[in-house]
């Protein structure tokens, strides 16, 4: 995912002095995981949340795109979704978890509620197929009009990006 984000960032429209054209959104990658242990990811997550806050305060941040999977990614990226929405930013939640339904069903009821609430906060949820869409709509209870399927034959994986 990091490589795809790098390609997207490198392909932005730049002016002659190598700055981003002022009328176009600038994509910036936010690393919420970092290298090393899962415990050390708290440092990277805090840094990403700080960048979101700074972007919101400056008025340059226009939205956040979050790639999410199951396990710890679900909770780490969920905090990005909730923090961004608390700042009244639009959030596109892009679900890449092929096994989220299994992981979700193994969670205790309070954590299932937290997952449903987190998904409900997203402005839009992107999924990779009909089965994922059915899970998000039927089980996580996201309104169907806010869930979009990206055809897996033509999709481009997009990493976590903040648009400034």
C-alpha atoms as a PDB file:
ATOM      1  CA  UNK A   1       0.000   0.000   0.000  1.00  0.00           C
ATOM      2  CA  UNK A   2       2.850   2.380   0.757  1.00  0.00           C
ATOM      3  CA  UNK A   3       4.246   2.005  -2.775  1.00  0.00           C
ATOM      4  CA  UNK A   4       0.856   2.779  -4.328  1.00  0.00           C
ATOM      5  CA  UNK A   5       0.573   5.920  -2.186  1.00  0.00           C
ATOM      6  CA  UNK A   6       4.044   6.967  -3.279  1.00  0.00           C
ATOM      7  CA  UNK A   7       3.054   6.558  -6.951  1.00  0.00           C
ATOM      8  CA  UNK A   8      -0.097   8.643  -6.437  1.00  0.00           C
ATOM      9  CA  UNK A   9       1.798  11.355  -4.610  1.00  0.00           C
ATOM     10  CA  UNK A  10       4.537  11.445  -7.261  1.00  0.00           C
ATOM     11  CA  UNK A  11       1.968  11.744 -10.057  1.00  0.00           C
ATOM     12  CA  UNK A  12       0.331  14.889  -8.672  1.00  0.00           C
ATOM     13  CA  UNK A  13       0.138  17.983 -10.841  1.00  0.00           C
ATOM     14  CA  UNK A  14       3.089  20.218 -10.043  1.00  0.00           C
ATOM     15  CA  UNK A  15       3.961  23.773 -11.073  1.00  0.00           C
ATOM     16  CA  UNK A  16       7.303  24.759 -12.665  1.00  0.00           C
ATOM     17  CA  UNK A  17       8.926  25.270  -9.255  1.00  0.00           C
ATOM     18  CA  UNK A  18       7.948  21.716  -8.149  1.00  0.00           C
ATOM     19  CA  UNK A  19       5.214  22.887  -5.788  1.00  0.00           C
ATOM     20  CA  UNK A  20       1.718  21.468  -6.054  1.00  0.00           C
ATOM     21  CA  UNK A  21      -0.616  23.545  -8.197  1.00  0.00           C
ATOM     22  CA  UNK A  22      -2.534  25.744  -5.714  1.00  0.00           C
ATOM     23  CA  UNK A  23      -5.975  24.869  -7.093  1.00  0.00           C
ATOM     24  CA  UNK A  24      -5.523  21.115  -6.819  1.00  0.00           C
ATOM     25  CA  UNK A  25      -5.666  18.927  -3.750  1.00  0.00           C
ATOM     26  CA  UNK A  26      -2.303  17.721  -2.543  1.00  0.00           C
ATOM     27  CA  UNK A  27      -2.173  14.092  -1.486  1.00  0.00           C
ATOM     28  CA  UNK A  28      -0.077  13.246   1.553  1.00  0.00           C
ATOM     29  CA  UNK A  29       0.515   9.801   2.989  1.00  0.00           C
ATOM     30  CA  UNK A  30      -0.050   9.305   6.688  1.00  0.00           C
ATOM     31  CA  UNK A  31       1.680   6.315   8.239  1.00  0.00           C
ATOM     32  CA  UNK A  32      -0.298   4.964  11.195  1.00  0.00           C
ATOM     33  CA  UNK A  33       1.738   1.765  11.613  1.00  0.00           C
ATOM     34  CA  UNK A  34       5.426   2.378  11.022  1.00  0.00           C
ATOM     35  CA  UNK A  35       8.100  -0.310  11.194  1.00  0.00           C
ATOM     36  CA  UNK A  36       8.638  -2.446  14.243  1.00  0.00           C
ATOM     37  CA  UNK A  37       6.269  -3.808  16.827  1.00  0.00           C
ATOM     38  CA  UNK A  38       2.549  -3.208  17.057  1.00  0.00           C
ATOM     39  CA  UNK A  39       3.193  -1.323  20.309  1.00  0.00           C
ATOM     40  CA  UNK A  40       5.467   1.137  18.515  1.00  0.00           C
ATOM     41  CA  UNK A  41       2.657   1.907  16.061  1.00  0.00           C
ATOM     42  CA  UNK A  42       1.070   4.084  18.763  1.00  0.00           C
ATOM     43  CA  UNK A  43       3.841   6.609  18.108  1.00  0.00           C
ATOM     44  CA  UNK A  44       3.075   6.663  14.362  1.00  0.00           C
ATOM     45  CA  UNK A  45      -0.672   6.807  14.943  1.00  0.00           C
ATOM     46  CA  UNK A  46      -0.236   9.796  17.249  1.00  0.00           C
ATOM     47  CA  UNK A  47       1.873  11.509  14.587  1.00  0.00           C
ATOM     48  CA  UNK A  48      -0.776  10.885  11.932  1.00  0.00           C
ATOM     49  CA  UNK A  49      -3.525  12.271  14.167  1.00  0.00           C
ATOM     50  CA  UNK A  50      -1.346  15.332  14.856  1.00  0.00           C
ATOM     51  CA  UNK A  51      -0.936  15.886  11.094  1.00  0.00           C
ATOM     52  CA  UNK A  52      -4.698  15.658  10.620  1.00  0.00           C
ATOM     53  CA  UNK A  53      -5.283  18.166  13.406  1.00  0.00           C
ATOM     54  CA  UNK A  54      -2.695  20.588  12.003  1.00  0.00           C
ATOM     55  CA  UNK A  55      -4.218  20.281   8.538  1.00  0.00           C
ATOM     56  CA  UNK A  56      -7.694  20.935   9.871  1.00  0.00           C
ATOM     57  CA  UNK A  57      -6.610  23.939  11.946  1.00  0.00           C
ATOM     58  CA  UNK A  58      -4.764  25.429   8.969  1.00  0.00           C
ATOM     59  CA  UNK A  59      -7.847  24.960   6.790  1.00  0.00           C
ATOM     60  CA  UNK A  60      -5.847  23.065   4.163  1.00  0.00           C
ATOM     61  CA  UNK A  61      -7.130  19.562   4.950  1.00  0.00           C
ATOM     62  CA  UNK A  62     -10.232  18.770   2.902  1.00  0.00           C
ATOM     63  CA  UNK A  63     -10.694  15.068   3.625  1.00  0.00           C
ATOM     64  CA  UNK A  64      -9.161  11.797   4.681  1.00  0.00           C
ATOM     65  CA  UNK A  65      -9.005   8.435   2.908  1.00  0.00           C
ATOM     66  CA  UNK A  66      -8.432   5.474   5.212  1.00  0.00           C
ATOM     67  CA  UNK A  67      -7.485   1.957   4.143  1.00  0.00           C
ATOM     68  CA  UNK A  68      -8.659  -0.535   6.718  1.00  0.00           C
ATOM     69  CA  UNK A  69      -8.211  -4.232   7.304  1.00  0.00           C
ATOM     70  CA  UNK A  70      -9.026  -6.500  10.221  1.00  0.00           C
ATOM     71  CA  UNK A  71      -7.188  -7.089  13.514  1.00  0.00           C
ATOM     72  CA  UNK A  72      -5.198  -4.133  14.882  1.00  0.00           C
ATOM     73  CA  UNK A  73      -5.649  -2.153  11.662  1.00  0.00           C
ATOM     74  CA  UNK A  74      -9.368  -2.031  12.376  1.00  0.00           C
ATOM     75  CA  UNK A  75      -8.856  -0.247  15.678  1.00  0.00           C
ATOM     76  CA  UNK A  76      -5.865   1.874  14.646  1.00  0.00           C
ATOM     77  CA  UNK A  77      -7.566   3.112  11.475  1.00  0.00           C
ATOM     78  CA  UNK A  78     -10.880   3.346  13.301  1.00  0.00           C
ATOM     79  CA  UNK A  79      -9.302   5.960  15.555  1.00  0.00           C
ATOM     80  CA  UNK A  80      -8.332   7.936  12.426  1.00  0.00           C
ATOM     81  CA  UNK A  81     -11.936   7.749  11.191  1.00  0.00           C
ATOM     82  CA  UNK A  82     -13.386   8.870  14.515  1.00  0.00           C
ATOM     83  CA  UNK A  83     -10.811  11.624  15.058  1.00  0.00           C
ATOM     84  CA  UNK A  84     -11.314  12.982  11.533  1.00  0.00           C
ATOM     85  CA  UNK A  85     -15.091  12.966  11.860  1.00  0.00           C
ATOM     86  CA  UNK A  86     -14.822  14.712  15.251  1.00  0.00           C
ATOM     87  CA  UNK A  87     -12.994  17.447  13.324  1.00  0.00           C
ATOM     88  CA  UNK A  88     -15.908  17.490  10.850  1.00  0.00           C
ATOM     89  CA  UNK A  89     -13.802  16.162   7.974  1.00  0.00           C
ATOM     90  CA  UNK A  90     -15.235  13.891   5.287  1.00  0.00           C
ATOM     91  CA  UNK A  91     -13.815  10.370   5.501  1.00  0.00           C
ATOM     92  CA  UNK A  92     -13.655   7.722   2.814  1.00  0.00           C
ATOM     93  CA  UNK A  93     -13.190   4.367   4.513  1.00  0.00           C
ATOM     94  CA  UNK A  94     -11.723   1.859   2.052  1.00  0.00           C
ATOM     95  CA  UNK A  95     -12.180  -1.673   3.367  1.00  0.00           C
ATOM     96  CA  UNK A  96      -9.485  -4.102   2.238  1.00  0.00           C
ATOM     97  CA  UNK A  97     -10.259  -6.809   4.784  1.00  0.00           C
ATOM     98  CA  UNK A  98     -11.272 -10.049   3.156  1.00  0.00           C
ATOM     99  CA  UNK A  99     -11.755 -11.679   6.555  1.00  0.00           C
ATOM    100  CA  UNK A 100     -13.354  -8.825   8.519  1.00  0.00           C
ATOM    101  CA  UNK A 101     -16.622 -10.719   8.871  1.00  0.00           C
ATOM    102  CA  UNK A 102     -14.842 -13.581  10.697  1.00  0.00           C
ATOM    103  CA  UNK A 103     -12.856 -11.210  12.894  1.00  0.00           C
ATOM    104  CA  UNK A 104     -15.951  -9.125  13.682  1.00  0.00           C
ATOM    105  CA  UNK A 105     -18.036 -12.122  14.740  1.00  0.00           C
ATOM    106  CA  UNK A 106     -15.299 -13.234  17.160  1.00  0.00           C
ATOM    107  CA  UNK A 107     -15.303  -9.849  18.928  1.00  0.00           C
ATOM    108  CA  UNK A 108     -17.219  -9.324  22.176  1.00  0.00           C
ATOM    109  CA  UNK A 109     -20.477  -7.394  21.817  1.00  0.00           C
ATOM    110  CA  UNK A 110     -19.081  -4.029  23.044  1.00  0.00           C
ATOM    111  CA  UNK A 111     -16.301  -4.134  20.432  1.00  0.00           C
ATOM    112  CA  UNK A 112     -18.801  -5.123  17.736  1.00  0.00           C
ATOM    113  CA  UNK A 113     -20.817  -2.048  18.683  1.00  0.00           C
ATOM    114  CA  UNK A 114     -17.653   0.090  18.429  1.00  0.00           C
ATOM    115  CA  UNK A 115     -16.910  -1.298  14.950  1.00  0.00           C
ATOM    116  CA  UNK A 116     -20.481  -0.606  13.781  1.00  0.00           C
ATOM    117  CA  UNK A 117     -20.331   2.927  15.200  1.00  0.00           C
ATOM    118  CA  UNK A 118     -16.961   3.588  13.541  1.00  0.00           C
ATOM    119  CA  UNK A 119     -18.225   2.456  10.136  1.00  0.00           C
ATOM    120  CA  UNK A 120     -21.355   4.565  10.591  1.00  0.00           C
ATOM    121  CA  UNK A 121     -19.166   7.668  10.999  1.00  0.00           C
ATOM    122  CA  UNK A 122     -17.522   7.326   7.576  1.00  0.00           C
ATOM    123  CA  UNK A 123     -18.873   9.606   4.874  1.00  0.00           C
ATOM    124  CA  UNK A 124     -18.423   6.838   2.294  1.00  0.00           C
ATOM    125  CA  UNK A 125     -17.371   3.198   2.584  1.00  0.00           C
ATOM    126  CA  UNK A 126     -15.624   1.554  -0.365  1.00  0.00           C
ATOM    127  CA  UNK A 127     -15.593  -2.235  -0.541  1.00  0.00           C
ATOM    128  CA  UNK A 128     -14.057  -4.674  -2.999  1.00  0.00           C
ATOM    129  CA  UNK A 129     -17.036  -6.874  -3.806  1.00  0.00           C
ATOM    130  CA  UNK A 130     -20.685  -7.758  -3.281  1.00  0.00           C
ATOM    131  CA  UNK A 131     -20.040  -9.997  -0.250  1.00  0.00           C
ATOM    132  CA  UNK A 132     -18.198  -7.187   1.541  1.00  0.00           C
ATOM    133  CA  UNK A 133     -20.950  -4.751   0.615  1.00  0.00           C
ATOM    134  CA  UNK A 134     -23.603  -7.076   2.038  1.00  0.00           C
ATOM    135  CA  UNK A 135     -21.607  -7.423   5.266  1.00  0.00           C
ATOM    136  CA  UNK A 136     -21.134  -3.663   5.636  1.00  0.00           C
ATOM    137  CA  UNK A 137     -24.807  -2.911   4.902  1.00  0.00           C
ATOM    138  CA  UNK A 138     -26.508  -5.851   6.623  1.00  0.00           C
ATOM    139  CA  UNK A 139     -24.240  -6.483   9.610  1.00  0.00           C
ATOM    140  CA  UNK A 140     -22.424  -3.187  10.196  1.00  0.00           C
ATOM    141  CA  UNK A 141     -25.624  -1.310   9.289  1.00  0.00           C
ATOM    142  CA  UNK A 142     -24.069   1.346   7.067  1.00  0.00           C
ATOM    143  CA  UNK A 143     -26.791   2.834   4.831  1.00  0.00           C
ATOM    144  CA  UNK A 144     -26.587   1.254   1.370  1.00  0.00           C
ATOM    145  CA  UNK A 145     -26.370   4.640  -0.370  1.00  0.00           C
ATOM    146  CA  UNK A 146     -23.037   5.282   1.413  1.00  0.00           C
ATOM    147  CA  UNK A 147     -21.399   2.013   0.323  1.00  0.00           C
ATOM    148  CA  UNK A 148     -19.670   1.701  -3.055  1.00  0.00           C
ATOM    149  CA  UNK A 149     -18.159  -1.358  -4.679  1.00  0.00           C
ATOM    150  CA  UNK A 150     -14.885  -0.891  -6.535  1.00  0.00           C
ATOM    151  CA  UNK A 151     -14.688  -3.573  -9.191  1.00  0.00           C
ATOM    152  CA  UNK A 152     -11.701  -5.752  -8.344  1.00  0.00           C
ATOM    153  CA  UNK A 153     -10.817  -6.177 -12.023  1.00  0.00           C
ATOM    154  CA  UNK A 154     -10.019  -2.501 -12.420  1.00  0.00           C
ATOM    155  CA  UNK A 155      -9.369  -1.173  -8.917  1.00  0.00           C
ATOM    156  CA  UNK A 156      -6.238   0.684  -7.924  1.00  0.00           C
ATOM    157  CA  UNK A 157      -5.273   0.264  -4.305  1.00  0.00           C
ATOM    158  CA  UNK A 158      -5.017   3.649  -2.659  1.00  0.00           C
ATOM    159  CA  UNK A 159      -3.093   4.107   0.570  1.00  0.00           C
ATOM    160  CA  UNK A 160      -4.069   6.257   3.529  1.00  0.00           C
ATOM    161  CA  UNK A 161      -4.078   9.784   2.233  1.00  0.00           C
ATOM    162  CA  UNK A 162      -4.983  13.146   3.589  1.00  0.00           C
ATOM    163  CA  UNK A 163      -5.972  15.746   1.020  1.00  0.00           C
ATOM    164  CA  UNK A 164      -4.574  19.174   1.887  1.00  0.00           C
END
